Amino acid sequence: MSSTKRIMVCLPSNLLEQVDEVVRELQGSRSQFVREAMRFYLMERRRCRLREELIEGYRRMAQLNLQIAEESEVNYGFELEDYERQLAGAK
């Protein structure tokens, strides 16, 4: 198990009261609550970033797909291999 570090955190009284209420209900400790809250926040932050990256990727692919569709209307000789090469080059 990794070593732990002690930190000091300042909270508004009303927030601390809410935390203490939850800690009592869960029969845990403030430290445990803060650790779990931090883990949850970090996990949600990673999930949001991934979602944003996926959205951006879909936007880029939409532009590429539109361009390919427009080109294929003009050039009926368009081949799947060209499409796959373009997809592989998209970043």
Protein backbone atom coordinates (compact mmCIF):
# COMPACT_ATOMS: atom_id res chain seq x y z
CA MET A 1 0.00 0.00 0.00
CA SER A 2 1.30 3.47 -0.78
CA SER A 3 2.24 5.83 2.01
CA THR A 4 -0.26 8.42 3.12
CA LYS A 5 0.29 12.12 3.60
CA ARG A 6 -1.51 14.36 6.05
CA ILE A 7 -2.99 17.54 4.59
CA MET A 8 -4.98 20.40 5.99
CA VAL A 9 -8.14 21.51 4.22
CA CYS A 10 -10.27 24.53 5.07
CA LEU A 11 -14.02 24.12 4.50
CA PRO A 12 -16.99 26.37 5.08
CA SER A 13 -18.90 25.33 8.21
CA ASN A 14 -22.05 24.35 6.35
CA LEU A 15 -20.10 22.06 3.99
CA LEU A 16 -18.32 20.39 6.90
CA GLU A 17 -21.67 19.83 8.61
CA GLN A 18 -22.98 18.09 5.50
CA VAL A 19 -19.86 15.94 5.28
CA ASP A 20 -20.11 15.01 8.96
CA GLU A 21 -23.75 14.02 8.47
CA VAL A 22 -22.84 11.65 5.64
CA VAL A 23 -19.86 10.29 7.59
CA ARG A 24 -22.16 9.49 10.53
CA GLU A 25 -24.67 7.76 8.23
CA LEU A 26 -21.91 5.68 6.65
CA GLN A 27 -20.17 5.10 9.99
CA GLY A 28 -16.91 6.13 8.40
CA SER A 29 -14.37 8.87 8.86
CA ARG A 30 -13.78 12.27 7.34
CA SER A 31 -10.53 11.02 5.84
CA GLN A 32 -12.27 8.11 4.18
CA PHE A 33 -14.98 10.43 2.86
CA VAL A 34 -12.45 12.88 1.42
CA ARG A 35 -10.42 10.08 -0.21
CA GLU A 36 -13.53 8.62 -1.85
CA ALA A 37 -14.76 12.06 -2.94
CA MET A 38 -11.38 12.85 -4.51
CA ARG A 39 -11.26 9.50 -6.32
CA PHE A 40 -14.79 10.04 -7.61
CA TYR A 41 -13.97 13.56 -8.80
CA LEU A 42 -10.80 12.41 -10.59
CA MET A 43 -12.66 9.52 -12.24
CA GLU A 44 -15.45 11.85 -13.42
CA ARG A 45 -12.90 14.35 -14.71
CA ARG A 46 -11.17 11.62 -16.75
CA ARG A 47 -14.53 10.45 -18.06
CA CYS A 48 -15.47 14.01 -19.13
CA ARG A 49 -12.13 14.49 -20.89
CA LEU A 50 -12.54 11.19 -22.72
CA ARG A 51 -16.06 12.17 -23.74
CA GLU A 52 -14.74 15.50 -25.09
CA GLU A 53 -11.98 13.69 -27.01
CA LEU A 54 -14.52 11.29 -28.51
CA ILE A 55 -16.81 14.15 -29.53
CA GLU A 56 -13.89 15.92 -31.21
CA GLY A 57 -12.89 12.69 -32.95
CA TYR A 58 -16.42 12.20 -34.25
CA ARG A 59 -16.45 15.79 -35.52
CA ARG A 60 -13.18 15.26 -37.37
CA MET A 61 -14.40 12.00 -38.84
CA ALA A 62 -17.66 13.65 -39.91
CA GLN A 63 -15.69 16.27 -41.83
CA LEU A 64 -13.53 13.58 -43.44
CA ASN A 65 -16.56 11.45 -44.31
CA LEU A 66 -18.33 14.45 -45.84
CA GLN A 67 -15.27 15.29 -47.91
CA ILE A 68 -14.98 11.69 -49.11
CA ALA A 69 -18.69 11.54 -49.95
CA GLU A 70 -18.45 14.78 -51.94
CA GLU A 71 -15.35 13.57 -53.77
CA SER A 72 -16.94 10.22 -54.56
CA GLU A 73 -19.90 11.95 -56.22
CA VAL A 74 -17.50 13.59 -58.65
CA ASN A 75 -15.04 10.71 -58.93
CA TYR A 76 -16.89 7.45 -59.34
CA GLY A 77 -13.55 5.64 -59.39
CA PHE A 78 -13.24 6.11 -55.60
CA GLU A 79 -12.06 2.94 -53.94
CA LEU A 80 -12.43 1.63 -50.42
CA GLU A 81 -8.64 1.35 -50.10
CA ASP A 82 -8.31 5.14 -50.58
CA TYR A 83 -10.93 5.69 -47.90
CA GLU A 84 -9.12 3.39 -45.47
CA ARG A 85 -5.81 5.18 -46.13
CA GLN A 86 -7.45 8.51 -45.33
CA LEU A 87 -8.99 7.11 -42.17
CA ALA A 88 -5.62 5.76 -41.04
CA GLY A 89 -4.06 9.20 -41.55
CA ALA A 90 -6.75 11.10 -39.60
CA LYS A 91 -5.64 12.16 -36.15
